[in-house]
Amino acid sequence: MVALRDRLHRYLASTAELEAGEEIVEATLHGTDLAAGCRPRERRTLSGVLRSVTYVPRGARPELVAELYDGSGSVDLVWLGRREIAGIEPGRRLVVTGRVAAGDGPRPVLYNPAYRLLPGAGPS
C-alpha cells in the first residue's frame, strides 16, 4: 500500500515538489538544519543549492548576496566586503554555518557565513 501511494505521489506531484523533496533528503544526508526552522540569533548549519547570486555594481558598497535553497525554504547569504567569491555561483551546492539574522526581505539572512563547496552539479 505504501509503495502504491509513493508511486502515485511521484506521478501526480509537480516537478517543484519532487525537487524540494530531493533537496530535503540531501540536507538530511549532510546532517544539516532546514531553512524553514531558522530563527533569528540562532547559529545554524545549512546545506542546499544556490538559486541565485547577485553581484553589485562597481560604484556600490561591495557585497555578494546568494539565495540558498534546501527544499524547505530559502535563506540569503551575504558576504560583506566581497564582490565575488570563486565557486559561489548559481547551481552550486554548499554547506554554510552562521548566525541567523532577520533580513529586510522575506527570507532570513546569514552574514559572512563560513562555507564549504560540495562536489556535484554546478551551473549547467
PDB file of N, CA and C in Angstrom:
ATOM      1  N   MET A   1       0.814  -1.195   0.000  1.00  0.00           N
ATOM      2  CA  MET A   1       0.000   0.000   0.000  1.00  0.00           C
ATOM      3  C   MET A   1       0.860   1.263   0.000  1.00  0.00           C
ATOM      4  N   VAL A   2       1.926   1.258   0.822  1.00  0.00           N
ATOM      5  CA  VAL A   2       2.811   2.416   0.882  1.00  0.00           C
ATOM      6  C   VAL A   2       3.512   2.614  -0.464  1.00  0.00           C
ATOM      7  N   ALA A   3       3.963   1.526  -1.078  1.00  0.00           N
ATOM      8  CA  ALA A   3       4.642   1.627  -2.371  1.00  0.00           C
ATOM      9  C   ALA A   3       3.713   2.211  -3.427  1.00  0.00           C
ATOM     10  N   LEU A   4       2.452   1.810  -3.422  1.00  0.00           N
ATOM     11  CA  LEU A   4       1.481   2.346  -4.373  1.00  0.00           C
ATOM     12  C   LEU A   4       1.272   3.843  -4.127  1.00  0.00           C
ATOM     13  N   ARG A   5       1.171   4.231  -2.867  1.00  0.00           N
ATOM     14  CA  ARG A   5       0.986   5.642  -2.534  1.00  0.00           C
ATOM     15  C   ARG A   5       2.200   6.454  -2.989  1.00  0.00           C
ATOM     16  N   ASP A   6       3.419   5.929  -2.780  1.00  0.00           N
ATOM     17  CA  ASP A   6       4.638   6.627  -3.217  1.00  0.00           C
ATOM     18  C   ASP A   6       4.675   6.773  -4.730  1.00  0.00           C
ATOM     19  N   ARG A   7       4.320   5.720  -5.441  1.00  0.00           N
ATOM     20  CA  ARG A   7       4.299   5.791  -6.910  1.00  0.00           C
ATOM     21  C   ARG A   7       3.278   6.802  -7.393  1.00  0.00           C
ATOM     22  N   LEU A   8       2.119   6.801  -6.775  1.00  0.00           N
ATOM     23  CA  LEU A   8       1.064   7.734  -7.160  1.00  0.00           C
ATOM     24  C   LEU A   8       1.501   9.176  -6.883  1.00  0.00           C
ATOM     25  N   HIS A   9       2.144   9.405  -5.746  1.00  0.00           N
ATOM     26  CA  HIS A   9       2.634  10.747  -5.419  1.00  0.00           C
ATOM     27  C   HIS A   9       3.669  11.207  -6.447  1.00  0.00           C
ATOM     28  N   ARG A  10       4.601  10.332  -6.814  1.00  0.00           N
ATOM     29  CA  ARG A  10       5.624  10.697  -7.798  1.00  0.00           C
ATOM     30  C   ARG A  10       4.996  11.017  -9.154  1.00  0.00           C
ATOM     31  N   TYR A  11       3.942  10.330  -9.482  1.00  0.00           N
ATOM     32  CA  TYR A  11       3.275  10.551 -10.765  1.00  0.00           C
ATOM     33  C   TYR A  11       2.500  11.870 -10.770  1.00  0.00           C
ATOM     34  N   LEU A  12       1.847  12.193  -9.664  1.00  0.00           N
ATOM     35  CA  LEU A  12       0.985  13.368  -9.608  1.00  0.00           C
ATOM     36  C   LEU A  12       1.675  14.633  -9.112  1.00  0.00           C
ATOM     37  N   ALA A  13       2.812  14.500  -8.454  1.00  0.00           N
ATOM     38  CA  ALA A  13       3.498  15.662  -7.883  1.00  0.00           C
ATOM     39  C   ALA A  13       4.119  16.522  -8.981  1.00  0.00           C
ATOM     40  N   SER A  14       4.185  17.796  -8.704  1.00  0.00           N
ATOM     41  CA  SER A  14       4.832  18.710  -9.655  1.00  0.00           C
ATOM     42  C   SER A  14       6.343  18.523  -9.590  1.00  0.00           C
ATOM     43  N   THR A  15       7.022  19.012 -10.590  1.00  0.00           N
ATOM     44  CA  THR A  15       8.481  18.947 -10.613  1.00  0.00           C
ATOM     45  C   THR A  15       9.067  19.685  -9.415  1.00  0.00           C
ATOM     46  N   ALA A  16       8.482  20.825  -9.076  1.00  0.00           N
ATOM     47  CA  ALA A  16       8.976  21.608  -7.934  1.00  0.00           C
ATOM     48  C   ALA A  16       8.851  20.815  -6.630  1.00  0.00           C
ATOM     49  N   GLU A  17       7.742  20.107  -6.447  1.00  0.00           N
ATOM     50  CA  GLU A  17       7.560  19.300  -5.236  1.00  0.00           C
ATOM     51  C   GLU A  17       8.589  18.175  -5.172  1.00  0.00           C
ATOM     52  N   LEU A  18       8.847  17.533  -6.300  1.00  0.00           N
ATOM     53  CA  LEU A  18       9.827  16.448  -6.322  1.00  0.00           C
ATOM     54  C   LEU A  18      11.233  16.971  -6.044  1.00  0.00           C
ATOM     55  N   GLU A  19      11.578  18.125  -6.649  1.00  0.00           N
ATOM     56  CA  GLU A  19      12.894  18.717  -6.406  1.00  0.00           C
ATOM     57  C   GLU A  19      13.041  19.142  -4.950  1.00  0.00           C
ATOM     58  N   ALA A  20      11.978  19.685  -4.359  1.00  0.00           N
ATOM     59  CA  ALA A  20      12.025  20.084  -2.948  1.00  0.00           C
ATOM     60  C   ALA A  20      12.282  18.860  -2.072  1.00  0.00           C
ATOM     61  N   GLY A  21      11.613  17.769  -2.362  1.00  0.00           N
ATOM     62  CA  GLY A  21      11.829  16.542  -1.600  1.00  0.00           C
ATOM     63  C   GLY A  21      13.256  16.043  -1.708  1.00  0.00           C
ATOM     64  N   GLU A  22      13.828  16.135  -2.903  1.00  0.00           N
ATOM     65  CA  GLU A  22      15.212  15.710  -3.114  1.00  0.00           C
ATOM     66  C   GLU A  22      16.180  16.600  -2.330  1.00  0.00           C
ATOM     67  N   GLU A  23      15.910  17.904  -2.293  1.00  0.00           N
ATOM     68  CA  GLU A  23      16.777  18.830  -1.552  1.00  0.00           C
ATOM     69  C   GLU A  23      16.713  18.554  -0.049  1.00  0.00           C
ATOM     70  N   ILE A  24      15.526  18.249   0.456  1.00  0.00           N
ATOM     71  CA  ILE A  24      15.391  17.930   1.883  1.00  0.00           C
ATOM     72  C   ILE A  24      16.161  16.657   2.218  1.00  0.00           C
ATOM     73  N   VAL A  25      16.111  15.665   1.335  1.00  0.00           N
ATOM     74  CA  VAL A  25      16.877  14.430   1.537  1.00  0.00           C
ATOM     75  C   VAL A  25      18.371  14.744   1.562  1.00  0.00           C
ATOM     76  N   GLU A  26      18.833  15.592   0.637  1.00  0.00           N
ATOM     77  CA  GLU A  26      20.253  15.988   0.601  1.00  0.00           C
ATOM     78  C   GLU A  26      20.666  16.653   1.922  1.00  0.00           C
ATOM     79  N   ALA A  27      19.834  17.565   2.413  1.00  0.00           N
ATOM     80  CA  ALA A  27      20.144  18.254   3.675  1.00  0.00           C
ATOM     81  C   ALA A  27      20.228  17.247   4.816  1.00  0.00           C
ATOM     82  N   THR A  28      19.336  16.291   4.830  1.00  0.00           N
ATOM     83  CA  THR A  28      19.336  15.263   5.866  1.00  0.00           C
ATOM     84  C   THR A  28      20.606  14.412   5.785  1.00  0.00           C
ATOM     85  N   LEU A  29      21.020  14.066   4.560  1.00  0.00           N
ATOM     86  CA  LEU A  29      22.236  13.272   4.384  1.00  0.00           C
ATOM     87  C   LEU A  29      23.475  14.011   4.877  1.00  0.00           C
ATOM     88  N   HIS A  30      23.492  15.338   4.744  1.00  0.00           N
ATOM     89  CA  HIS A  30      24.624  16.139   5.216  1.00  0.00           C
ATOM     90  C   HIS A  30      24.523  16.444   6.703  1.00  0.00           C
ATOM     91  N   GLY A  31      23.406  16.065   7.331  1.00  0.00           N
ATOM     92  CA  GLY A  31      23.238  16.295   8.766  1.00  0.00           C
ATOM     93  C   GLY A  31      23.049  17.758   9.127  1.00  0.00           C
ATOM     94  N   THR A  32      22.487  18.531   8.207  1.00  0.00           N
ATOM     95  CA  THR A  32      22.320  19.964   8.443  1.00  0.00           C
ATOM     96  C   THR A  32      20.880  20.301   8.809  1.00  0.00           C
ATOM     97  N   ASP A  33      20.695  21.510   9.317  1.00  0.00           N
ATOM     98  CA  ASP A  33      19.373  22.001   9.682  1.00  0.00           C
ATOM     99  C   ASP A  33      18.606  22.385   8.420  1.00  0.00           C
ATOM    100  N   LEU A  34      17.299  22.591   8.574  1.00  0.00           N
ATOM    101  CA  LEU A  34      16.475  23.041   7.449  1.00  0.00           C
ATOM    102  C   LEU A  34      16.212  24.533   7.561  1.00  0.00           C
ATOM    103  N   ALA A  35      16.183  25.205   6.429  1.00  0.00           N
ATOM    104  CA  ALA A  35      15.964  26.653   6.389  1.00  0.00           C
ATOM    105  C   ALA A  35      14.630  27.039   7.024  1.00  0.00           C
ATOM    106  N   ALA A  36      13.630  26.192   6.872  1.00  0.00           N
ATOM    107  CA  ALA A  36      12.305  26.507   7.413  1.00  0.00           C
ATOM    108  C   ALA A  36      12.326  26.651   8.935  1.00  0.00           C
ATOM    109  N   GLY A  37      13.294  26.041   9.591  1.00  0.00           N
ATOM    110  CA  GLY A  37      13.362  26.100  11.046  1.00  0.00           C
ATOM    111  C   GLY A  37      14.256  27.199  11.584  1.00  0.00           C
ATOM    112  N   CYS A  38      14.801  28.037  10.720  1.00  0.00           N
ATOM    113  CA  CYS A  38      15.729  29.098  11.160  1.00  0.00           C
ATOM    114  C   CYS A  38      14.997  30.223  11.873  1.00  0.00           C
ATOM    115  N   ARG A  39      15.530  30.608  13.005  1.00  0.00           N
ATOM    116  CA  ARG A  39      15.001  31.731  13.776  1.00  0.00           C
ATOM    117  C   ARG A  39      16.138  32.707  14.044  1.00  0.00           C
ATOM    118  N   PRO A  40      15.859  34.010  14.110  1.00  0.00           N
ATOM    119  CA  PRO A  40      16.913  34.995  14.361  1.00  0.00           C
ATOM    120  C   PRO A  40      17.719  34.682  15.625  1.00  0.00           C
ATOM    121  N   ARG A  41      19.014  34.968  15.542  1.00  0.00           N
ATOM    122  CA  ARG A  41      20.004  34.830  16.610  1.00  0.00           C
ATOM    123  C   ARG A  41      20.435  33.393  16.874  1.00  0.00           C
ATOM    124  N   GLU A  42      19.952  32.442  16.092  1.00  0.00           N
ATOM    125  CA  GLU A  42      20.391  31.054  16.243  1.00  0.00           C
ATOM    126  C   GLU A  42      21.588  30.797  15.333  1.00  0.00           C
ATOM    127  N   ARG A  43      22.511  29.994  15.804  1.00  0.00           N
ATOM    128  CA  ARG A  43      23.629  29.562  14.961  1.00  0.00           C
ATOM    129  C   ARG A  43      23.183  28.278  14.268  1.00  0.00           C
ATOM    130  N   ARG A  44      23.268  28.267  12.945  1.00  0.00           N
ATOM    131  CA  ARG A  44      22.777  27.131  12.157  1.00  0.00           C
ATOM    132  C   ARG A  44      23.790  26.695  11.112  1.00  0.00           C
ATOM    133  N   THR A  45      23.736  25.416  10.786  1.00  0.00           N
ATOM    134  CA  THR A  45      24.473  24.860   9.664  1.00  0.00           C
ATOM    135  C   THR A  45      23.434  24.376   8.669  1.00  0.00           C
ATOM    136  N   LEU A  46      23.509  24.894   7.449  1.00  0.00           N
ATOM    137  CA  LEU A  46      22.541  24.584   6.401  1.00  0.00           C
ATOM    138  C   LEU A  46      23.266  24.069   5.169  1.00  0.00           C
ATOM    139  N   SER A  47      22.564  23.321   4.342  1.00  0.00           N
ATOM    140  CA  SER A  47      23.120  22.914   3.054  1.00  0.00           C
ATOM    141  C   SER A  47      22.027  23.052   2.012  1.00  0.00           C
ATOM    142  N   GLY A  48      22.448  23.216   0.781  1.00  0.00           N
ATOM    143  CA  GLY A  48      21.479  23.342  -0.293  1.00  0.00           C
ATOM    144  C   GLY A  48      22.151  23.773  -1.575  1.00  0.00           C
ATOM    145  N   VAL A  49      21.326  24.271  -2.471  1.00  0.00           N
ATOM    146  CA  VAL A  49      21.797  24.700  -3.780  1.00  0.00           C
ATOM    147  C   VAL A  49      21.582  26.211  -3.908  1.00  0.00           C
ATOM    148  N   LEU A  50      22.525  26.885  -4.542  1.00  0.00           N
ATOM    149  CA  LEU A  50      22.379  28.321  -4.759  1.00  0.00           C
ATOM    150  C   LEU A  50      21.439  28.545  -5.937  1.00  0.00           C
ATOM    151  N   ARG A  51      20.326  29.197  -5.678  1.00  0.00           N
ATOM    152  CA  ARG A  51      19.361  29.508  -6.733  1.00  0.00           C
ATOM    153  C   ARG A  51      19.754  30.757  -7.501  1.00  0.00           C
ATOM    154  N   SER A  52      20.305  31.727  -6.792  1.00  0.00           N
ATOM    155  CA  SER A  52      20.698  32.973  -7.448  1.00  0.00           C
ATOM    156  C   SER A  52      21.877  33.594  -6.718  1.00  0.00           C
ATOM    157  N   VAL A  53      22.657  34.364  -7.461  1.00  0.00           N
ATOM    158  CA  VAL A  53      23.769  35.125  -6.904  1.00  0.00           C
ATOM    159  C   VAL A  53      23.660  36.524  -7.485  1.00  0.00           C
ATOM    160  N   THR A  54      23.704  37.536  -6.628  1.00  0.00           N
ATOM    161  CA  THR A  54      23.576  38.928  -7.061  1.00  0.00           C
ATOM    162  C   THR A  54      24.913  39.631  -6.878  1.00  0.00           C
ATOM    163  N   TYR A  55      25.402  40.171  -7.965  1.00  0.00           N
ATOM    164  CA  TYR A  55      26.643  40.932  -7.942  1.00  0.00           C
ATOM    165  C   TYR A  55      26.281  42.406  -7.952  1.00  0.00           C
ATOM    166  N   VAL A  56      26.941  43.197  -7.114  1.00  0.00           N
ATOM    167  CA  VAL A  56      26.643  44.632  -7.068  1.00  0.00           C
ATOM    168  C   VAL A  56      27.558  45.374  -8.039  1.00  0.00           C
ATOM    169  N   PRO A  57      27.103  46.511  -8.577  1.00  0.00           N
ATOM    170  CA  PRO A  57      27.932  47.283  -9.499  1.00  0.00           C
ATOM    171  C   PRO A  57      29.152  47.879  -8.804  1.00  0.00           C
ATOM    172  N   ARG A  58      30.131  48.272  -9.580  1.00  0.00           N
ATOM    173  CA  ARG A  58      31.403  48.794  -9.065  1.00  0.00           C
ATOM    174  C   ARG A  58      31.240  49.978  -8.119  1.00  0.00           C
ATOM    175  N   GLY A  59      30.315  50.893  -8.378  1.00  0.00           N
ATOM    176  CA  GLY A  59      30.176  52.084  -7.555  1.00  0.00           C
ATOM    177  C   GLY A  59      29.506  51.851  -6.216  1.00  0.00           C
ATOM    178  N   ALA A  60      28.882  50.693  -6.029  1.00  0.00           N
ATOM    179  CA  ALA A  60      28.131  50.401  -4.799  1.00  0.00           C
ATOM    180  C   ALA A  60      29.038  49.757  -3.749  1.00  0.00           C
ATOM    181  N   ARG A  61      28.537  49.727  -2.529  1.00  0.00           N
ATOM    182  CA  ARG A  61      29.243  49.063  -1.429  1.00  0.00           C
ATOM    183  C   ARG A  61      29.437  47.588  -1.787  1.00  0.00           C
ATOM    184  N   PRO A  62      30.649  47.049  -1.657  1.00  0.00           N
ATOM    185  CA  PRO A  62      30.870  45.660  -2.046  1.00  0.00           C
ATOM    186  C   PRO A  62      30.155  44.679  -1.121  1.00  0.00           C
ATOM    187  N   GLU A  63      29.307  43.858  -1.718  1.00  0.00           N
ATOM    188  CA  GLU A  63      28.684  42.739  -1.019  1.00  0.00           C
ATOM    189  C   GLU A  63      28.217  41.739  -2.060  1.00  0.00           C
ATOM    190  N   LEU A  64      28.247  40.500  -1.681  1.00  0.00           N
ATOM    191  CA  LEU A  64      27.801  39.415  -2.551  1.00  0.00           C
ATOM    192  C   LEU A  64      26.621  38.754  -1.859  1.00  0.00           C
ATOM    193  N   VAL A  65      25.495  38.638  -2.575  1.00  0.00           N
ATOM    194  CA  VAL A  65      24.273  38.076  -1.997  1.00  0.00           C
ATOM    195  C   VAL A  65      23.882  36.844  -2.802  1.00  0.00           C
ATOM    196  N   ALA A  66      23.601  35.740  -2.104  1.00  0.00           N
ATOM    197  CA  ALA A  66      23.186  34.499  -2.759  1.00  0.00           C
ATOM    198  C   ALA A  66      21.987  33.914  -2.017  1.00  0.00           C
ATOM    199  N   GLU A  67      21.084  33.289  -2.770  1.00  0.00           N
ATOM    200  CA  GLU A  67      19.937  32.611  -2.175  1.00  0.00           C
ATOM    201  C   GLU A  67      20.234  31.117  -2.106  1.00  0.00           C
ATOM    202  N   LEU A  68      20.228  30.566  -0.889  1.00  0.00           N
ATOM    203  CA  LEU A  68      20.456  29.142  -0.665  1.00  0.00           C
ATOM    204  C   LEU A  68      19.113  28.468  -0.434  1.00  0.00           C
ATOM    205  N   TYR A  69      18.796  27.441  -1.239  1.00  0.00           N
ATOM    206  CA  TYR A  69      17.521  26.721  -1.168  1.00  0.00           C
ATOM    207  C   TYR A  69      17.776  25.288  -0.751  1.00  0.00           C
ATOM    208  N   ASP A  70      16.998  24.811   0.240  1.00  0.00           N
ATOM    209  CA  ASP A  70      17.188  23.431   0.711  1.00  0.00           C
ATOM    210  C   ASP A  70      15.935  22.571   0.623  1.00  0.00           C
ATOM    211  N   GLY A  71      14.915  23.023  -0.083  1.00  0.00           N
ATOM    212  CA  GLY A  71      13.689  22.243  -0.222  1.00  0.00           C
ATOM    213  C   GLY A  71      12.622  22.653   0.766  1.00  0.00           C
ATOM    214  N   SER A  72      13.027  23.077   1.963  1.00  0.00           N
ATOM    215  CA  SER A  72      12.054  23.523   2.968  1.00  0.00           C
ATOM    216  C   SER A  72      11.840  25.025   2.878  1.00  0.00           C
ATOM    217  N   GLY A  73      12.796  25.717   2.298  1.00  0.00           N
ATOM    218  CA  GLY A  73      12.745  27.164   2.186  1.00  0.00           C
ATOM    219  C   GLY A  73      14.102  27.698   1.759  1.00  0.00           C
ATOM    220  N   SER A  74      14.258  29.009   1.835  1.00  0.00           N
ATOM    221  CA  SER A  74      15.493  29.660   1.407  1.00  0.00           C
ATOM    222  C   SER A  74      15.995  30.625   2.471  1.00  0.00           C
ATOM    223  N   VAL A  75      17.292  30.863   2.439  1.00  0.00           N
ATOM    224  CA  VAL A  75      17.919  31.912   3.238  1.00  0.00           C
ATOM    225  C   VAL A  75      18.825  32.706   2.303  1.00  0.00           C
ATOM    226  N   ASP A  76      19.052  33.961   2.639  1.00  0.00           N
ATOM    227  CA  ASP A  76      20.005  34.772   1.897  1.00  0.00           C
ATOM    228  C   ASP A  76      21.352  34.689   2.595  1.00  0.00           C
ATOM    229  N   LEU A  77      22.395  34.519   1.808  1.00  0.00           N
ATOM    230  CA  LEU A  77      23.767  34.534   2.307  1.00  0.00           C
ATOM    231  C   LEU A  77      24.377  35.839   1.835  1.00  0.00           C
ATOM    232  N   VAL A  78      24.937  36.614   2.754  1.00  0.00           N
ATOM    233  CA  VAL A  78      25.507  37.915   2.397  1.00  0.00           C
ATOM    234  C   VAL A  78      26.947  37.966   2.889  1.00  0.00           C
ATOM    235  N   TRP A  79      27.859  38.130   1.928  1.00  0.00           N
ATOM    236  CA  TRP A  79      29.261  38.317   2.261  1.00  0.00           C
ATOM    237  C   TRP A  79      29.573  39.796   2.070  1.00  0.00           C
ATOM    238  N   LEU A  80      29.819  40.500   3.163  1.00  0.00           N
ATOM    239  CA  LEU A  80      30.118  41.926   3.117  1.00  0.00           C
ATOM    240  C   LEU A  80      31.575  42.129   2.727  1.00  0.00           C
ATOM    241  N   GLY A  81      31.831  43.172   1.934  1.00  0.00           N
ATOM    242  CA  GLY A  81      33.193  43.486   1.528  1.00  0.00           C
ATOM    243  C   GLY A  81      33.710  42.628   0.391  1.00  0.00           C
ATOM    244  N   ARG A  82      32.865  41.822  -0.222  1.00  0.00           N
ATOM    245  CA  ARG A  82      33.275  40.938  -1.318  1.00  0.00           C
ATOM    246  C   ARG A  82      32.404  41.213  -2.534  1.00  0.00           C
ATOM    247  N   ARG A  83      32.996  41.289  -3.683  1.00  0.00           N
ATOM    248  CA  ARG A  83      32.234  41.450  -4.929  1.00  0.00           C
ATOM    249  C   ARG A  83      32.005  40.098  -5.598  1.00  0.00           C
ATOM    250  N   GLU A  84      32.897  39.163  -5.367  1.00  0.00           N
ATOM    251  CA  GLU A  84      32.746  37.812  -5.895  1.00  0.00           C
ATOM    252  C   GLU A  84      33.588  36.858  -5.065  1.00  0.00           C
ATOM    253  N   ILE A  85      33.186  35.585  -5.092  1.00  0.00           N
ATOM    254  CA  ILE A  85      33.916  34.522  -4.402  1.00  0.00           C
ATOM    255  C   ILE A  85      33.971  33.348  -5.366  1.00  0.00           C
ATOM    256  N   ALA A  86      35.162  32.836  -5.609  1.00  0.00           N
ATOM    257  CA  ALA A  86      35.326  31.701  -6.516  1.00  0.00           C
ATOM    258  C   ALA A  86      34.451  30.532  -6.057  1.00  0.00           C
ATOM    259  N   GLY A  87      33.675  29.981  -6.969  1.00  0.00           N
ATOM    260  CA  GLY A  87      32.818  28.830  -6.670  1.00  0.00           C
ATOM    261  C   GLY A  87      31.419  29.192  -6.221  1.00  0.00           C
ATOM    262  N   ILE A  88      31.193  30.438  -5.843  1.00  0.00           N
ATOM    263  CA  ILE A  88      29.852  30.857  -5.434  1.00  0.00           C
ATOM    264  C   ILE A  88      29.133  31.313  -6.700  1.00  0.00           C
ATOM    265  N   GLU A  89      28.305  30.411  -7.234  1.00  0.00           N
ATOM    266  CA  GLU A  89      27.594  30.655  -8.482  1.00  0.00           C
ATOM    267  C   GLU A  89      26.291  29.861  -8.490  1.00  0.00           C
ATOM    268  N   PRO A  90      25.303  30.310  -9.240  1.00  0.00           N
ATOM    269  CA  PRO A  90      24.015  29.606  -9.270  1.00  0.00           C
ATOM    270  C   PRO A  90      24.192  28.133  -9.654  1.00  0.00           C
ATOM    271  N   GLY A  91      23.447  27.278  -8.971  1.00  0.00           N
ATOM    272  CA  GLY A  91      23.502  25.845  -9.234  1.00  0.00           C
ATOM    273  C   GLY A  91      24.520  25.110  -8.379  1.00  0.00           C
ATOM    274  N   ARG A  92      25.352  25.827  -7.668  1.00  0.00           N
ATOM    275  CA  ARG A  92      26.382  25.199  -6.846  1.00  0.00           C
ATOM    276  C   ARG A  92      25.811  24.742  -5.513  1.00  0.00           C
ATOM    277  N   ARG A  93      26.235  23.592  -5.050  1.00  0.00           N
ATOM    278  CA  ARG A  93      25.813  23.080  -3.741  1.00  0.00           C
ATOM    279  C   ARG A  93      26.873  23.446  -2.708  1.00  0.00           C
ATOM    280  N   LEU A  94      26.397  23.802  -1.501  1.00  0.00           N
ATOM    281  CA  LEU A  94      27.337  24.103  -0.443  1.00  0.00           C
ATOM    282  C   LEU A  94      26.715  23.901   0.928  1.00  0.00           C
ATOM    283  N   VAL A  95      27.595  23.860   1.926  1.00  0.00           N
ATOM    284  CA  VAL A  95      27.213  23.813   3.335  1.00  0.00           C
ATOM    285  C   VAL A  95      27.693  25.123   3.942  1.00  0.00           C
ATOM    286  N   VAL A  96      26.817  25.792   4.694  1.00  0.00           N
ATOM    287  CA  VAL A  96      27.179  27.072   5.323  1.00  0.00           C
ATOM    288  C   VAL A  96      26.879  27.014   6.815  1.00  0.00           C
ATOM    289  N   THR A  97      27.642  27.785   7.578  1.00  0.00           N
ATOM    290  CA  THR A  97      27.412  27.906   9.011  1.00  0.00           C
ATOM    291  C   THR A  97      27.482  29.375   9.385  1.00  0.00           C
ATOM    292  N   GLY A  98      26.496  29.820  10.155  1.00  0.00           N
ATOM    293  CA  GLY A  98      26.494  31.201  10.599  1.00  0.00           C
ATOM    294  C   GLY A  98      25.325  31.492  11.520  1.00  0.00           C
ATOM    295  N   ARG A  99      25.279  32.719  11.984  1.00  0.00           N
ATOM    296  CA  ARG A  99      24.197  33.161  12.862  1.00  0.00           C
ATOM    297  C   ARG A  99      23.086  33.755  12.006  1.00  0.00           C
ATOM    298  N   VAL A 100      21.866  33.349  12.265  1.00  0.00           N
ATOM    299  CA  VAL A 100      20.704  33.795  11.509  1.00  0.00           C
ATOM    300  C   VAL A 100      20.293  35.188  11.964  1.00  0.00           C
ATOM    301  N   ALA A 101      20.026  36.053  10.994  1.00  0.00           N
ATOM    302  CA  ALA A 101      19.533  37.406  11.272  1.00  0.00           C
ATOM    303  C   ALA A 101      18.237  37.602  10.492  1.00  0.00           C
ATOM    304  N   ALA A 102      17.378  38.471  11.005  1.00  0.00           N
ATOM    305  CA  ALA A 102      16.163  38.824  10.264  1.00  0.00           C
ATOM    306  C   ALA A 102      16.587  39.762   9.144  1.00  0.00           C
ATOM    307  N   GLY A 103      16.184  39.452   7.928  1.00  0.00           N
ATOM    308  CA  GLY A 103      16.569  40.284   6.792  1.00  0.00           C
ATOM    309  C   GLY A 103      15.530  41.339   6.480  1.00  0.00           C
ATOM    310  N   ASP A 104      15.893  42.250   5.575  1.00  0.00           N
ATOM    311  CA  ASP A 104      14.952  43.264   5.117  1.00  0.00           C
ATOM    312  C   ASP A 104      13.884  42.651   4.226  1.00  0.00           C
ATOM    313  N   GLY A 105      14.212  41.545   3.581  1.00  0.00           N
ATOM    314  CA  GLY A 105      13.283  40.886   2.664  1.00  0.00           C
ATOM    315  C   GLY A 105      12.512  39.770   3.350  1.00  0.00           C
ATOM    316  N   PRO A 106      11.968  38.875   2.540  1.00  0.00           N
ATOM    317  CA  PRO A 106      11.126  37.806   3.078  1.00  0.00           C
ATOM    318  C   PRO A 106      11.889  36.638   3.706  1.00  0.00           C
ATOM    319  N   ARG A 107      13.221  36.595   3.501  1.00  0.00           N
ATOM    320  CA  ARG A 107      13.992  35.442   3.974  1.00  0.00           C
ATOM    321  C   ARG A 107      14.949  35.828   5.096  1.00  0.00           C
ATOM    322  N   PRO A 108      15.265  34.860   5.957  1.00  0.00           N
ATOM    323  CA  PRO A 108      16.315  35.085   6.953  1.00  0.00           C
ATOM    324  C   PRO A 108      17.659  35.262   6.239  1.00  0.00           C
ATOM    325  N   VAL A 109      18.643  35.828   6.939  1.00  0.00           N
ATOM    326  CA  VAL A 109      19.947  36.129   6.354  1.00  0.00           C
ATOM    327  C   VAL A 109      21.057  35.562   7.235  1.00  0.00           C
ATOM    328  N   LEU A 110      22.096  35.052   6.605  1.00  0.00           N
ATOM    329  CA  LEU A 110      23.339  34.697   7.283  1.00  0.00           C
ATOM    330  C   LEU A 110      24.406  35.630   6.714  1.00  0.00           C
ATOM    331  N   TYR A 111      24.992  36.487   7.570  1.00  0.00           N
ATOM    332  CA  TYR A 111      26.039  37.396   7.143  1.00  0.00           C
ATOM    333  C   TYR A 111      27.402  36.741   7.292  1.00  0.00           C
ATOM    334  N   ASN A 112      28.213  36.854   6.251  1.00  0.00           N
ATOM    335  CA  ASN A 112      29.575  36.316   6.226  1.00  0.00           C
ATOM    336  C   ASN A 112      29.651  34.881   6.751  1.00  0.00           C
ATOM    337  N   PRO A 113      28.810  33.969   6.220  1.00  0.00           N
ATOM    338  CA  PRO A 113      28.846  32.592   6.730  1.00  0.00           C
ATOM    339  C   PRO A 113      30.124  31.868   6.310  1.00  0.00           C
ATOM    340  N   ALA A 114      30.559  30.970   7.152  1.00  0.00           N
ATOM    341  CA  ALA A 114      31.607  30.041   6.750  1.00  0.00           C
ATOM    342  C   ALA A 114      30.956  29.094   5.747  1.00  0.00           C
ATOM    343  N   TYR A 115      31.682  28.666   4.741  1.00  0.00           N
ATOM    344  CA  TYR A 115      31.075  27.813   3.720  1.00  0.00           C
ATOM    345  C   TYR A 115      32.038  26.750   3.250  1.00  0.00           C
ATOM    346  N   ARG A 116      31.460  25.675   2.734  1.00  0.00           N
ATOM    347  CA  ARG A 116      32.218  24.580   2.133  1.00  0.00           C
ATOM    348  C   ARG A 116      31.508  24.203   0.844  1.00  0.00           C
ATOM    349  N   LEU A 117      32.228  24.288  -0.260  1.00  0.00           N
ATOM    350  CA  LEU A 117      31.665  23.909  -1.555  1.00  0.00           C
ATOM    351  C   LEU A 117      31.559  22.396  -1.611  1.00  0.00           C
ATOM    352  N   LEU A 118      30.448  21.899  -2.108  1.00  0.00           N
ATOM    353  CA  LEU A 118      30.234  20.453  -2.219  1.00  0.00           C
ATOM    354  C   LEU A 118      30.462  20.014  -3.653  1.00  0.00           C
ATOM    355  N   PRO A 119      30.986  18.800  -3.829  1.00  0.00           N
ATOM    356  CA  PRO A 119      31.139  18.293  -5.187  1.00  0.00           C
ATOM    357  C   PRO A 119      29.752  18.023  -5.784  1.00  0.00           C
ATOM    358  N   GLY A 120      29.706  17.993  -7.060  1.00  0.00           N
ATOM    359  CA  GLY A 120      28.431  17.692  -7.705  1.00  0.00           C
ATOM    360  C   GLY A 120      28.045  18.761  -8.692  1.00  0.00           C
ATOM    361  N   ALA A 121      26.767  18.804  -8.960  1.00  0.00           N
ATOM    362  CA  ALA A 121      26.251  19.681 -10.007  1.00  0.00           C
ATOM    363  C   ALA A 121      26.580  21.133  -9.730  1.00  0.00           C
ATOM    364  N   GLY A 122      27.133  21.758 -10.711  1.00  0.00           N
ATOM    365  CA  GLY A 122      27.353  23.194 -10.698  1.00  0.00           C
ATOM    366  C   GLY A 122      26.446  23.799 -11.748  1.00  0.00           C
ATOM    367  N   PRO A 123      26.751  24.989 -12.214  1.00  0.00           N
ATOM    368  CA  PRO A 123      25.918  25.597 -13.238  1.00  0.00           C
ATOM    369  C   PRO A 123      25.947  24.789 -14.518  1.00  0.00           C
ATOM    370  N   SER A 124      24.824  24.754 -15.208  1.00  0.00           N
ATOM    371  CA  SER A 124      24.769  23.982 -16.450  1.00  0.00           C
ATOM    372  C   SER A 124      24.829  24.856 -17.663  1.00  0.00           C
TER     373      SER A 124
END
